[in-house]
């Protein structure tokens, strides 16, 4: 499937008004997954894993191949599919518990768009359109302040600062408000809790 052939994909975001959505973005190995899990545990809410890692780890295990342009839209479809499914679960869980529904997203289509531009100098039009249409109540950009951890998929141990700066430039370019977040695990969670209090979302 060519990366620009979008007819087989539905990248529409399901956004219940009651769900407070947080997207965690950033360079590789900067604690995005850990933060998403920690916030989900703190607020007893669902979190959305990074589908790109699931997809590409399977591809690597089976074929020893890495990401190509043709993988971008299938990855985008998988990511938003997971997010939409878990957004519905967040609503259902909150209705049972009678509290505020939250959803913590370990990446978003905006991050996939940025990486597409970084690696290929371009982005499938359908992916870019969807990434810019999707909305989050809080976007977090992780700082490069924790050690690099290698795995099968990571390939930029010496470019994290440069990639992080590129993320910041793209968020600003597309008028996406965000908060930089760093520190150890407890500090990061506490910072988000304080922001939630400030937004009257606790």
N, C-alpha and C. Protein backbone atom coordinates (compact mmCIF):
# COMPACT_ATOMS: atom_id res chain seq x y z
N UNK A 1 0.86 -1.20 0.00
CA UNK A 1 0.00 0.00 0.00
C UNK A 1 0.89 1.24 0.00
N UNK A 2 0.78 2.05 -1.03
CA UNK A 2 1.58 3.26 -1.11
C UNK A 2 1.18 4.25 -0.03
N UNK A 3 2.15 4.97 0.50
CA UNK A 3 1.89 5.89 1.60
C UNK A 3 0.94 7.01 1.27
N UNK A 4 0.71 7.29 -0.01
CA UNK A 4 -0.22 8.35 -0.38
C UNK A 4 -1.60 7.83 -0.78
N UNK A 5 -1.79 6.51 -0.79
CA UNK A 5 -3.09 5.95 -1.12
C UNK A 5 -3.90 5.82 0.17
N UNK A 6 -4.85 6.70 0.35
CA UNK A 6 -5.53 6.80 1.64
C UNK A 6 -6.93 6.21 1.65
N UNK A 7 -7.39 5.72 0.52
CA UNK A 7 -8.79 5.31 0.44
C UNK A 7 -9.13 4.17 1.39
N UNK A 8 -8.14 3.35 1.75
CA UNK A 8 -8.40 2.20 2.63
C UNK A 8 -8.36 2.56 4.11
N UNK A 9 -8.10 3.83 4.42
CA UNK A 9 -7.87 4.21 5.81
C UNK A 9 -8.86 5.27 6.27
N UNK A 10 -9.32 5.12 7.49
CA UNK A 10 -10.16 6.12 8.14
C UNK A 10 -9.40 6.65 9.34
N UNK A 11 -8.93 7.89 9.25
CA UNK A 11 -8.11 8.47 10.30
C UNK A 11 -8.89 9.48 11.15
N UNK A 12 -10.20 9.37 11.15
CA UNK A 12 -11.04 10.27 11.92
C UNK A 12 -10.87 10.00 13.42
N UNK A 13 -10.70 11.06 14.17
CA UNK A 13 -10.55 10.96 15.63
C UNK A 13 -11.92 10.98 16.30
N UNK A 14 -12.13 10.03 17.21
CA UNK A 14 -13.34 10.00 18.03
C UNK A 14 -13.05 10.78 19.30
N UNK A 15 -13.77 11.89 19.50
CA UNK A 15 -13.44 12.77 20.62
C UNK A 15 -14.68 13.10 21.44
N UNK A 16 -15.06 12.25 22.38
CA UNK A 16 -16.16 12.60 23.29
C UNK A 16 -15.80 13.86 24.07
N UNK A 17 -16.74 14.77 24.18
CA UNK A 17 -16.46 16.04 24.85
C UNK A 17 -16.06 15.86 26.31
N UNK A 18 -16.54 14.78 26.92
CA UNK A 18 -16.27 14.59 28.33
C UNK A 18 -14.85 14.10 28.62
N UNK A 19 -14.17 13.55 27.61
CA UNK A 19 -12.86 12.95 27.82
C UNK A 19 -11.77 14.01 27.74
N UNK A 20 -10.94 14.08 28.78
CA UNK A 20 -9.78 14.97 28.78
C UNK A 20 -8.60 14.18 28.23
N UNK A 21 -8.17 14.56 27.02
CA UNK A 21 -7.13 13.81 26.32
C UNK A 21 -5.77 14.48 26.47
N UNK A 22 -4.78 13.67 26.80
CA UNK A 22 -3.40 14.14 26.91
C UNK A 22 -2.55 13.38 25.90
N UNK A 23 -1.80 14.09 25.07
CA UNK A 23 -0.88 13.47 24.12
C UNK A 23 0.55 13.71 24.59
N UNK A 24 1.32 12.63 24.67
CA UNK A 24 2.72 12.71 25.10
C UNK A 24 3.60 12.52 23.87
N UNK A 25 4.34 13.57 23.51
CA UNK A 25 5.18 13.55 22.32
C UNK A 25 6.64 13.74 22.70
N UNK A 26 7.53 13.41 21.77
CA UNK A 26 8.93 13.66 22.03
C UNK A 26 9.86 12.73 21.27
N UNK A 27 11.15 13.00 21.41
CA UNK A 27 12.17 12.18 20.75
C UNK A 27 12.21 10.78 21.36
N UNK A 28 12.92 9.89 20.67
CA UNK A 28 13.05 8.52 21.15
C UNK A 28 13.69 8.47 22.53
N UNK A 29 13.26 7.50 23.33
CA UNK A 29 13.87 7.21 24.61
C UNK A 29 13.93 8.44 25.53
N UNK A 30 12.78 9.13 25.61
CA UNK A 30 12.70 10.27 26.53
C UNK A 30 11.57 10.07 27.55
N UNK A 31 11.09 8.84 27.71
CA UNK A 31 10.17 8.52 28.78
C UNK A 31 8.70 8.69 28.46
N UNK A 32 8.33 8.72 27.18
CA UNK A 32 6.93 8.93 26.82
C UNK A 32 6.02 7.80 27.32
N UNK A 33 6.45 6.56 27.07
CA UNK A 33 5.63 5.42 27.47
C UNK A 33 5.52 5.33 28.99
N UNK A 34 6.64 5.51 29.67
CA UNK A 34 6.62 5.47 31.13
C UNK A 34 5.70 6.53 31.70
N UNK A 35 5.77 7.74 31.17
CA UNK A 35 4.92 8.81 31.66
C UNK A 35 3.45 8.50 31.40
N UNK A 36 3.14 8.00 30.22
CA UNK A 36 1.75 7.67 29.90
C UNK A 36 1.21 6.62 30.86
N UNK A 37 2.01 5.59 31.11
CA UNK A 37 1.60 4.54 32.05
C UNK A 37 1.44 5.09 33.47
N UNK A 38 2.39 5.91 33.89
CA UNK A 38 2.34 6.45 35.25
C UNK A 38 1.11 7.35 35.45
N UNK A 39 0.79 8.16 34.45
CA UNK A 39 -0.38 9.03 34.56
C UNK A 39 -1.67 8.20 34.56
N UNK A 40 -1.70 7.18 33.73
CA UNK A 40 -2.88 6.31 33.71
C UNK A 40 -3.08 5.63 35.05
N UNK A 41 -1.98 5.20 35.67
CA UNK A 41 -2.07 4.57 36.98
C UNK A 41 -2.52 5.57 38.04
N UNK A 42 -1.97 6.77 37.99
CA UNK A 42 -2.30 7.79 38.99
C UNK A 42 -3.78 8.16 38.93
N UNK A 43 -4.30 8.32 37.70
CA UNK A 43 -5.68 8.75 37.52
C UNK A 43 -6.64 7.59 37.27
N UNK A 44 -6.12 6.35 37.39
CA UNK A 44 -6.93 5.16 37.18
C UNK A 44 -7.71 5.26 35.87
N UNK A 45 -6.98 5.52 34.80
CA UNK A 45 -7.59 5.76 33.50
C UNK A 45 -6.84 4.97 32.42
N UNK A 46 -7.44 4.80 31.24
CA UNK A 46 -6.76 4.09 30.16
C UNK A 46 -5.61 4.90 29.57
N UNK A 47 -4.67 4.19 28.96
CA UNK A 47 -3.63 4.86 28.19
C UNK A 47 -3.48 4.15 26.85
N UNK A 48 -3.08 4.91 25.84
CA UNK A 48 -2.98 4.40 24.47
C UNK A 48 -1.53 4.12 24.14
N UNK A 49 -1.16 2.87 23.87
CA UNK A 49 0.22 2.57 23.52
C UNK A 49 0.58 3.12 22.14
N UNK A 50 1.88 3.19 21.86
CA UNK A 50 2.37 3.66 20.57
C UNK A 50 2.27 2.52 19.56
N UNK A 51 1.32 2.62 18.66
CA UNK A 51 1.09 1.53 17.71
C UNK A 51 2.28 1.34 16.78
N UNK A 52 3.00 2.40 16.48
CA UNK A 52 4.16 2.28 15.59
C UNK A 52 5.16 1.25 16.12
N UNK A 53 5.36 1.24 17.42
CA UNK A 53 6.31 0.28 18.00
C UNK A 53 5.77 -1.14 17.88
N UNK A 54 4.48 -1.32 18.10
CA UNK A 54 3.88 -2.65 17.97
C UNK A 54 4.04 -3.15 16.53
N UNK A 55 3.69 -2.29 15.59
CA UNK A 55 3.72 -2.62 14.17
C UNK A 55 5.15 -2.91 13.70
N UNK A 56 6.07 -2.02 14.05
CA UNK A 56 7.44 -2.16 13.55
C UNK A 56 8.22 -3.26 14.27
N UNK A 57 7.90 -3.51 15.54
CA UNK A 57 8.55 -4.63 16.21
C UNK A 57 8.15 -5.95 15.56
N UNK A 58 6.89 -6.07 15.21
CA UNK A 58 6.42 -7.27 14.51
C UNK A 58 7.10 -7.41 13.15
N UNK A 59 7.23 -6.30 12.44
CA UNK A 59 7.90 -6.33 11.14
C UNK A 59 9.37 -6.72 11.29
N UNK A 60 10.02 -6.17 12.31
CA UNK A 60 11.43 -6.49 12.55
C UNK A 60 11.60 -7.96 12.92
N UNK A 61 10.75 -8.45 13.80
CA UNK A 61 10.86 -9.84 14.25
C UNK A 61 10.65 -10.81 13.09
N UNK A 62 9.75 -10.47 12.18
CA UNK A 62 9.42 -11.37 11.07
C UNK A 62 10.35 -11.23 9.88
N UNK A 63 10.79 -9.98 9.59
CA UNK A 63 11.51 -9.73 8.34
C UNK A 63 12.86 -9.03 8.53
N UNK A 64 13.16 -8.61 9.75
CA UNK A 64 14.38 -7.83 10.00
C UNK A 64 14.41 -6.57 9.14
N UNK A 65 13.25 -5.94 8.97
CA UNK A 65 13.11 -4.73 8.18
C UNK A 65 12.57 -3.60 9.06
N UNK A 66 12.94 -2.37 8.71
CA UNK A 66 12.52 -1.20 9.47
C UNK A 66 11.43 -0.44 8.71
N UNK A 67 11.06 0.71 9.21
CA UNK A 67 9.95 1.48 8.67
C UNK A 67 10.24 2.01 7.27
N UNK A 68 9.23 1.98 6.41
CA UNK A 68 9.30 2.58 5.08
C UNK A 68 8.12 3.54 4.91
N UNK A 69 8.16 4.30 3.85
CA UNK A 69 7.07 5.23 3.52
C UNK A 69 5.73 4.50 3.45
N UNK A 70 5.76 3.30 2.91
CA UNK A 70 4.52 2.52 2.74
C UNK A 70 3.89 2.11 4.07
N UNK A 71 4.65 2.13 5.14
CA UNK A 71 4.12 1.75 6.45
C UNK A 71 3.37 2.88 7.14
N UNK A 72 3.51 4.11 6.68
CA UNK A 72 3.03 5.25 7.45
C UNK A 72 1.52 5.26 7.66
N UNK A 73 0.76 5.07 6.60
CA UNK A 73 -0.69 5.10 6.76
C UNK A 73 -1.23 3.89 7.53
N UNK A 74 -0.72 2.68 7.31
CA UNK A 74 -1.16 1.59 8.19
C UNK A 74 -0.86 1.86 9.67
N UNK A 75 0.29 2.46 9.95
CA UNK A 75 0.61 2.81 11.34
C UNK A 75 -0.36 3.86 11.86
N UNK A 76 -0.65 4.87 11.04
CA UNK A 76 -1.59 5.92 11.44
C UNK A 76 -2.96 5.33 11.74
N UNK A 77 -3.41 4.41 10.88
CA UNK A 77 -4.71 3.77 11.09
C UNK A 77 -4.72 2.99 12.41
N UNK A 78 -3.63 2.25 12.66
CA UNK A 78 -3.55 1.49 13.91
C UNK A 78 -3.53 2.39 15.13
N UNK A 79 -2.83 3.52 15.04
CA UNK A 79 -2.74 4.43 16.18
C UNK A 79 -4.09 5.04 16.52
N UNK A 80 -4.77 5.58 15.51
CA UNK A 80 -6.03 6.24 15.81
C UNK A 80 -7.11 5.20 16.13
N UNK A 81 -6.97 3.99 15.59
CA UNK A 81 -7.90 2.93 15.96
C UNK A 81 -7.82 2.60 17.44
N UNK A 82 -6.59 2.50 17.95
CA UNK A 82 -6.40 2.25 19.38
C UNK A 82 -6.93 3.41 20.22
N UNK A 83 -6.62 4.63 19.79
CA UNK A 83 -7.05 5.79 20.56
C UNK A 83 -8.57 5.87 20.63
N UNK A 84 -9.24 5.65 19.50
CA UNK A 84 -10.70 5.74 19.48
C UNK A 84 -11.33 4.66 20.35
N UNK A 85 -10.77 3.45 20.29
CA UNK A 85 -11.28 2.34 21.10
C UNK A 85 -11.15 2.66 22.59
N UNK A 86 -10.00 3.17 22.98
CA UNK A 86 -9.75 3.44 24.39
C UNK A 86 -10.47 4.70 24.88
N UNK A 87 -10.76 5.62 23.97
CA UNK A 87 -11.56 6.79 24.35
C UNK A 87 -12.96 6.34 24.76
N UNK A 88 -13.53 5.40 24.03
CA UNK A 88 -14.84 4.87 24.39
C UNK A 88 -14.78 4.14 25.73
N UNK A 89 -13.69 3.39 25.95
CA UNK A 89 -13.54 2.69 27.22
C UNK A 89 -13.40 3.67 28.38
N UNK A 90 -12.71 4.80 28.12
CA UNK A 90 -12.55 5.82 29.17
C UNK A 90 -13.91 6.37 29.59
N UNK A 91 -14.79 6.61 28.61
CA UNK A 91 -16.13 7.11 28.91
C UNK A 91 -16.90 6.09 29.74
N UNK A 92 -16.85 4.85 29.31
CA UNK A 92 -17.58 3.80 30.02
C UNK A 92 -17.08 3.63 31.45
N UNK A 93 -15.77 3.65 31.63
CA UNK A 93 -15.20 3.50 32.96
C UNK A 93 -15.58 4.67 33.86
N UNK A 94 -15.54 5.87 33.32
CA UNK A 94 -15.86 7.06 34.11
C UNK A 94 -17.34 7.06 34.50
N UNK A 95 -18.19 6.56 33.62
CA UNK A 95 -19.61 6.49 33.96
C UNK A 95 -19.86 5.56 35.14
N UNK A 96 -19.13 4.46 35.17
CA UNK A 96 -19.26 3.51 36.29
C UNK A 96 -18.73 4.13 37.58
N UNK A 97 -17.56 4.80 37.47
CA UNK A 97 -16.92 5.37 38.65
C UNK A 97 -17.46 6.75 39.01
N UNK A 98 -18.25 7.32 38.10
CA UNK A 98 -18.82 8.66 38.26
C UNK A 98 -17.73 9.71 38.53
N UNK A 99 -16.75 9.73 37.63
CA UNK A 99 -15.69 10.72 37.73
C UNK A 99 -15.29 11.21 36.34
N UNK A 100 -14.31 12.09 36.31
CA UNK A 100 -13.82 12.69 35.06
C UNK A 100 -13.07 11.64 34.23
N UNK A 101 -13.45 11.43 32.96
CA UNK A 101 -12.69 10.50 32.13
C UNK A 101 -11.43 11.15 31.54
N UNK A 102 -10.33 10.45 31.66
CA UNK A 102 -9.06 10.88 31.08
C UNK A 102 -8.59 9.83 30.09
N UNK A 103 -7.79 10.26 29.12
CA UNK A 103 -7.13 9.33 28.21
C UNK A 103 -5.72 9.85 27.96
N UNK A 104 -4.72 9.00 28.23
CA UNK A 104 -3.32 9.38 28.07
C UNK A 104 -2.75 8.66 26.85
N UNK A 105 -2.32 9.43 25.88
CA UNK A 105 -1.92 8.89 24.58
C UNK A 105 -0.40 8.94 24.42
N UNK A 106 0.21 7.77 24.38
CA UNK A 106 1.65 7.66 24.12
C UNK A 106 1.86 7.86 22.63
N UNK A 107 1.95 9.10 22.23
CA UNK A 107 2.12 9.61 20.86
C UNK A 107 0.76 9.93 20.23
N UNK A 108 0.81 10.51 19.04
CA UNK A 108 -0.38 10.87 18.29
C UNK A 108 0.00 10.92 16.81
N UNK A 109 -0.97 11.20 15.96
CA UNK A 109 -0.63 11.30 14.54
C UNK A 109 0.25 12.51 14.26
N UNK A 110 0.21 13.51 15.13
CA UNK A 110 1.12 14.65 14.96
C UNK A 110 2.57 14.18 15.06
N UNK A 111 2.86 13.31 16.01
CA UNK A 111 4.22 12.80 16.13
C UNK A 111 4.62 11.99 14.90
N UNK A 112 3.71 11.17 14.40
CA UNK A 112 4.00 10.40 13.20
C UNK A 112 4.25 11.32 12.01
N UNK A 113 3.50 12.40 11.92
CA UNK A 113 3.71 13.38 10.86
C UNK A 113 5.10 14.01 10.97
N UNK A 114 5.48 14.39 12.19
CA UNK A 114 6.79 15.01 12.39
C UNK A 114 7.91 14.05 12.02
N UNK A 115 7.79 12.80 12.43
CA UNK A 115 8.83 11.83 12.09
C UNK A 115 8.86 11.56 10.59
N UNK A 116 7.71 11.56 9.94
CA UNK A 116 7.68 11.40 8.49
C UNK A 116 8.45 12.53 7.82
N UNK A 117 8.22 13.75 8.26
CA UNK A 117 8.93 14.89 7.69
C UNK A 117 10.43 14.83 8.01
N UNK A 118 10.76 14.35 9.20
CA UNK A 118 12.17 14.25 9.61
C UNK A 118 12.92 13.24 8.76
N UNK A 119 12.34 12.06 8.57
CA UNK A 119 13.03 10.98 7.87
C UNK A 119 12.90 11.04 6.35
N UNK A 120 11.75 11.52 5.87
CA UNK A 120 11.49 11.47 4.42
C UNK A 120 11.41 12.85 3.77
N UNK A 121 11.38 13.89 4.58
CA UNK A 121 11.24 15.22 4.02
C UNK A 121 9.86 15.47 3.46
N UNK A 122 8.91 14.63 3.80
CA UNK A 122 7.56 14.71 3.27
C UNK A 122 6.63 13.93 4.20
N UNK A 123 5.33 14.04 3.92
CA UNK A 123 4.34 13.31 4.73
C UNK A 123 3.14 13.01 3.85
N UNK A 124 2.58 11.80 3.91
CA UNK A 124 1.35 11.53 3.16
C UNK A 124 0.28 12.56 3.49
N UNK A 125 -0.38 13.08 2.48
CA UNK A 125 -1.32 14.17 2.68
C UNK A 125 -2.44 13.79 3.64
N UNK A 126 -2.92 12.56 3.54
CA UNK A 126 -4.01 12.12 4.43
C UNK A 126 -3.55 12.11 5.89
N UNK A 127 -2.31 11.71 6.13
CA UNK A 127 -1.77 11.70 7.48
C UNK A 127 -1.63 13.12 8.01
N UNK A 128 -1.08 14.01 7.20
CA UNK A 128 -0.91 15.40 7.64
C UNK A 128 -2.26 16.05 7.93
N UNK A 129 -3.23 15.84 7.07
CA UNK A 129 -4.55 16.43 7.27
C UNK A 129 -5.17 15.95 8.57
N UNK A 130 -5.07 14.65 8.82
CA UNK A 130 -5.64 14.10 10.06
C UNK A 130 -4.88 14.59 11.28
N UNK A 131 -3.54 14.59 11.20
CA UNK A 131 -2.73 15.02 12.35
C UNK A 131 -3.06 16.44 12.77
N UNK A 132 -3.31 17.31 11.81
CA UNK A 132 -3.59 18.71 12.13
C UNK A 132 -5.04 18.93 12.54
N UNK A 133 -5.91 17.98 12.21
CA UNK A 133 -7.31 18.09 12.60
C UNK A 133 -7.56 17.55 14.01
N UNK A 134 -6.72 16.63 14.46
CA UNK A 134 -6.94 16.01 15.76
C UNK A 134 -6.64 17.00 16.88
N UNK A 135 -7.37 16.87 17.98
CA UNK A 135 -7.23 17.82 19.08
C UNK A 135 -7.01 17.09 20.40
N UNK A 136 -6.16 17.70 21.25
CA UNK A 136 -5.89 17.18 22.60
C UNK A 136 -6.00 18.34 23.58
N UNK A 137 -6.43 18.02 24.78
CA UNK A 137 -6.60 19.06 25.79
C UNK A 137 -5.26 19.51 26.38
N UNK A 138 -4.29 18.62 26.34
CA UNK A 138 -2.95 18.94 26.83
C UNK A 138 -1.94 18.15 26.02
N UNK A 139 -0.95 18.83 25.48
CA UNK A 139 0.14 18.17 24.77
C UNK A 139 1.41 18.35 25.59
N UNK A 140 2.07 17.24 25.88
CA UNK A 140 3.32 17.25 26.63
C UNK A 140 4.47 16.89 25.70
N UNK A 141 5.54 17.66 25.76
CA UNK A 141 6.76 17.38 24.99
C UNK A 141 7.86 17.02 25.97
N UNK A 142 8.31 15.76 25.93
CA UNK A 142 9.29 15.28 26.90
C UNK A 142 10.67 15.86 26.64
N UNK A 143 11.34 16.24 27.71
CA UNK A 143 12.71 16.74 27.62
C UNK A 143 13.70 15.58 27.47
N UNK A 144 14.86 15.90 26.93
CA UNK A 144 15.92 14.90 26.77
C UNK A 144 16.78 14.95 28.02
N UNK A 145 16.27 14.37 29.10
CA UNK A 145 16.99 14.45 30.38
C UNK A 145 17.06 13.10 31.08
N UNK A 146 16.86 12.02 30.34
CA UNK A 146 17.04 10.67 30.88
C UNK A 146 17.96 9.90 29.94
N UNK A 147 18.63 8.86 30.43
CA UNK A 147 19.60 8.13 29.60
C UNK A 147 18.94 7.43 28.42
N UNK A 148 19.71 7.33 27.34
CA UNK A 148 19.29 6.58 26.16
C UNK A 148 19.25 5.09 26.48
N UNK A 149 18.19 4.41 26.02
CA UNK A 149 18.07 2.97 26.18
C UNK A 149 17.88 2.37 24.79
N UNK A 150 18.80 1.54 24.36
CA UNK A 150 18.75 0.96 23.02
C UNK A 150 17.73 -0.16 22.94
N UNK A 151 17.14 -0.34 21.74
CA UNK A 151 16.32 -1.51 21.46
C UNK A 151 16.36 -1.76 19.95
N UNK A 152 15.54 -2.68 19.46
CA UNK A 152 15.58 -3.05 18.05
C UNK A 152 15.21 -1.91 17.11
N UNK A 153 14.41 -0.93 17.59
CA UNK A 153 13.83 0.07 16.70
C UNK A 153 14.48 1.44 16.79
N UNK A 154 15.06 1.77 17.90
CA UNK A 154 15.63 3.11 18.07
C UNK A 154 16.93 3.25 17.29
N UNK A 155 17.11 4.43 16.68
CA UNK A 155 18.28 4.59 15.80
C UNK A 155 18.94 5.96 15.90
N UNK A 156 18.56 6.77 16.89
CA UNK A 156 19.08 8.15 16.93
C UNK A 156 19.60 8.53 18.31
N UNK A 157 20.57 7.79 18.84
CA UNK A 157 21.05 8.10 20.19
C UNK A 157 21.72 9.46 20.31
N UNK A 158 22.25 9.98 19.19
CA UNK A 158 23.00 11.24 19.25
C UNK A 158 22.23 12.40 18.64
N UNK A 159 20.97 12.17 18.31
CA UNK A 159 20.16 13.23 17.68
C UNK A 159 18.94 13.59 18.49
N UNK A 160 18.85 13.12 19.72
CA UNK A 160 17.63 13.36 20.49
C UNK A 160 17.39 14.85 20.71
N UNK A 161 18.42 15.60 21.01
CA UNK A 161 18.24 17.04 21.24
C UNK A 161 17.79 17.73 19.96
N UNK A 162 18.38 17.35 18.84
CA UNK A 162 18.01 17.95 17.56
C UNK A 162 16.56 17.60 17.19
N UNK A 163 16.20 16.34 17.39
CA UNK A 163 14.83 15.91 17.10
C UNK A 163 13.84 16.61 18.02
N UNK A 164 14.20 16.74 19.29
CA UNK A 164 13.32 17.42 20.24
C UNK A 164 13.10 18.87 19.83
N UNK A 165 14.16 19.53 19.39
CA UNK A 165 14.04 20.91 18.93
C UNK A 165 13.15 20.99 17.68
N UNK A 166 13.24 19.97 16.83
CA UNK A 166 12.39 19.94 15.64
C UNK A 166 10.93 19.77 16.03
N UNK A 167 10.66 18.90 16.99
CA UNK A 167 9.30 18.76 17.50
C UNK A 167 8.78 20.11 17.98
N UNK A 168 9.58 20.80 18.77
CA UNK A 168 9.14 22.09 19.31
C UNK A 168 8.85 23.07 18.19
N UNK A 169 9.71 23.09 17.17
CA UNK A 169 9.50 24.02 16.05
C UNK A 169 8.22 23.70 15.29
N UNK A 170 7.92 22.40 15.13
CA UNK A 170 6.71 22.02 14.40
C UNK A 170 5.44 22.29 15.22
N UNK A 171 5.50 22.07 16.51
CA UNK A 171 4.36 22.40 17.36
C UNK A 171 4.07 23.90 17.31
N UNK A 172 5.11 24.69 17.36
CA UNK A 172 4.93 26.14 17.27
C UNK A 172 4.43 26.55 15.88
N UNK A 173 5.00 25.95 14.85
CA UNK A 173 4.63 26.28 13.47
C UNK A 173 3.13 26.05 13.23
N UNK A 174 2.62 24.96 13.78
CA UNK A 174 1.21 24.62 13.56
C UNK A 174 0.30 25.08 14.71
N UNK A 175 0.82 26.00 15.53
CA UNK A 175 0.03 26.60 16.61
C UNK A 175 -0.60 25.56 17.52
N UNK A 176 0.22 24.58 17.93
CA UNK A 176 -0.22 23.55 18.86
C UNK A 176 0.34 23.87 20.25
N UNK A 177 -0.47 24.37 21.17
CA UNK A 177 0.03 24.68 22.52
C UNK A 177 0.55 23.41 23.20
N UNK A 178 1.65 23.55 23.93
CA UNK A 178 2.24 22.38 24.58
C UNK A 178 3.00 22.81 25.82
N UNK A 179 3.32 21.82 26.64
CA UNK A 179 4.13 22.02 27.84
C UNK A 179 5.36 21.11 27.75
N UNK A 180 6.53 21.66 28.02
CA UNK A 180 7.73 20.83 28.13
C UNK A 180 7.70 20.15 29.50
N UNK A 181 8.10 18.88 29.54
CA UNK A 181 8.07 18.16 30.80
C UNK A 181 9.33 17.32 30.95
N UNK A 182 9.93 17.37 32.14
CA UNK A 182 11.15 16.62 32.40
C UNK A 182 11.25 16.25 33.87
N UNK A 183 12.41 15.72 34.23
CA UNK A 183 12.62 15.28 35.60
C UNK A 183 12.42 13.79 35.73
N UNK A 184 12.49 13.30 36.98
CA UNK A 184 12.30 11.87 37.18
C UNK A 184 10.81 11.54 37.12
N UNK A 185 10.47 10.26 37.30
CA UNK A 185 9.10 9.82 37.11
C UNK A 185 8.13 10.54 38.03
N UNK A 186 8.46 10.64 39.30
CA UNK A 186 7.57 11.28 40.26
C UNK A 186 7.39 12.76 39.96
N UNK A 187 8.47 13.41 39.58
CA UNK A 187 8.41 14.84 39.27
C UNK A 187 7.50 15.08 38.06
N UNK A 188 7.63 14.23 37.05
CA UNK A 188 6.81 14.41 35.84
C UNK A 188 5.32 14.24 36.16
N UNK A 189 4.99 13.23 36.90
CA UNK A 189 3.59 13.01 37.24
C UNK A 189 3.06 14.18 38.07
N UNK A 190 3.82 14.61 39.05
CA UNK A 190 3.37 15.71 39.91
C UNK A 190 3.18 16.99 39.10
N UNK A 191 4.04 17.21 38.11
CA UNK A 191 3.88 18.40 37.28
C UNK A 191 2.56 18.37 36.52
N UNK A 192 2.21 17.20 35.99
CA UNK A 192 0.94 17.08 35.27
C UNK A 192 -0.24 17.26 36.23
N UNK A 193 -0.15 16.69 37.42
CA UNK A 193 -1.20 16.87 38.42
C UNK A 193 -1.42 18.35 38.70
N UNK A 194 -0.34 19.11 38.83
CA UNK A 194 -0.45 20.54 39.10
C UNK A 194 -1.09 21.27 37.93
N UNK A 195 -0.74 20.88 36.71
CA UNK A 195 -1.38 21.49 35.54
C UNK A 195 -2.86 21.17 35.51
N UNK A 196 -3.21 19.94 35.87
CA UNK A 196 -4.63 19.57 35.91
C UNK A 196 -5.39 20.42 36.91
N UNK A 197 -4.80 20.64 38.09
CA UNK A 197 -5.43 21.48 39.09
C UNK A 197 -5.64 22.88 38.53
N UNK A 198 -4.63 23.38 37.83
CA UNK A 198 -4.73 24.73 37.26
C UNK A 198 -5.84 24.80 36.21
N UNK A 199 -6.07 23.68 35.53
CA UNK A 199 -7.12 23.63 34.50
C UNK A 199 -8.46 23.19 35.07
N UNK A 200 -8.50 22.99 36.39
CA UNK A 200 -9.72 22.52 37.06
C UNK A 200 -10.20 21.19 36.51
N UNK A 201 -9.23 20.31 36.23
CA UNK A 201 -9.56 19.00 35.66
C UNK A 201 -9.23 17.86 36.60
N UNK A 202 -8.92 18.13 37.84
CA UNK A 202 -8.61 17.05 38.80
C UNK A 202 -9.90 16.61 39.48
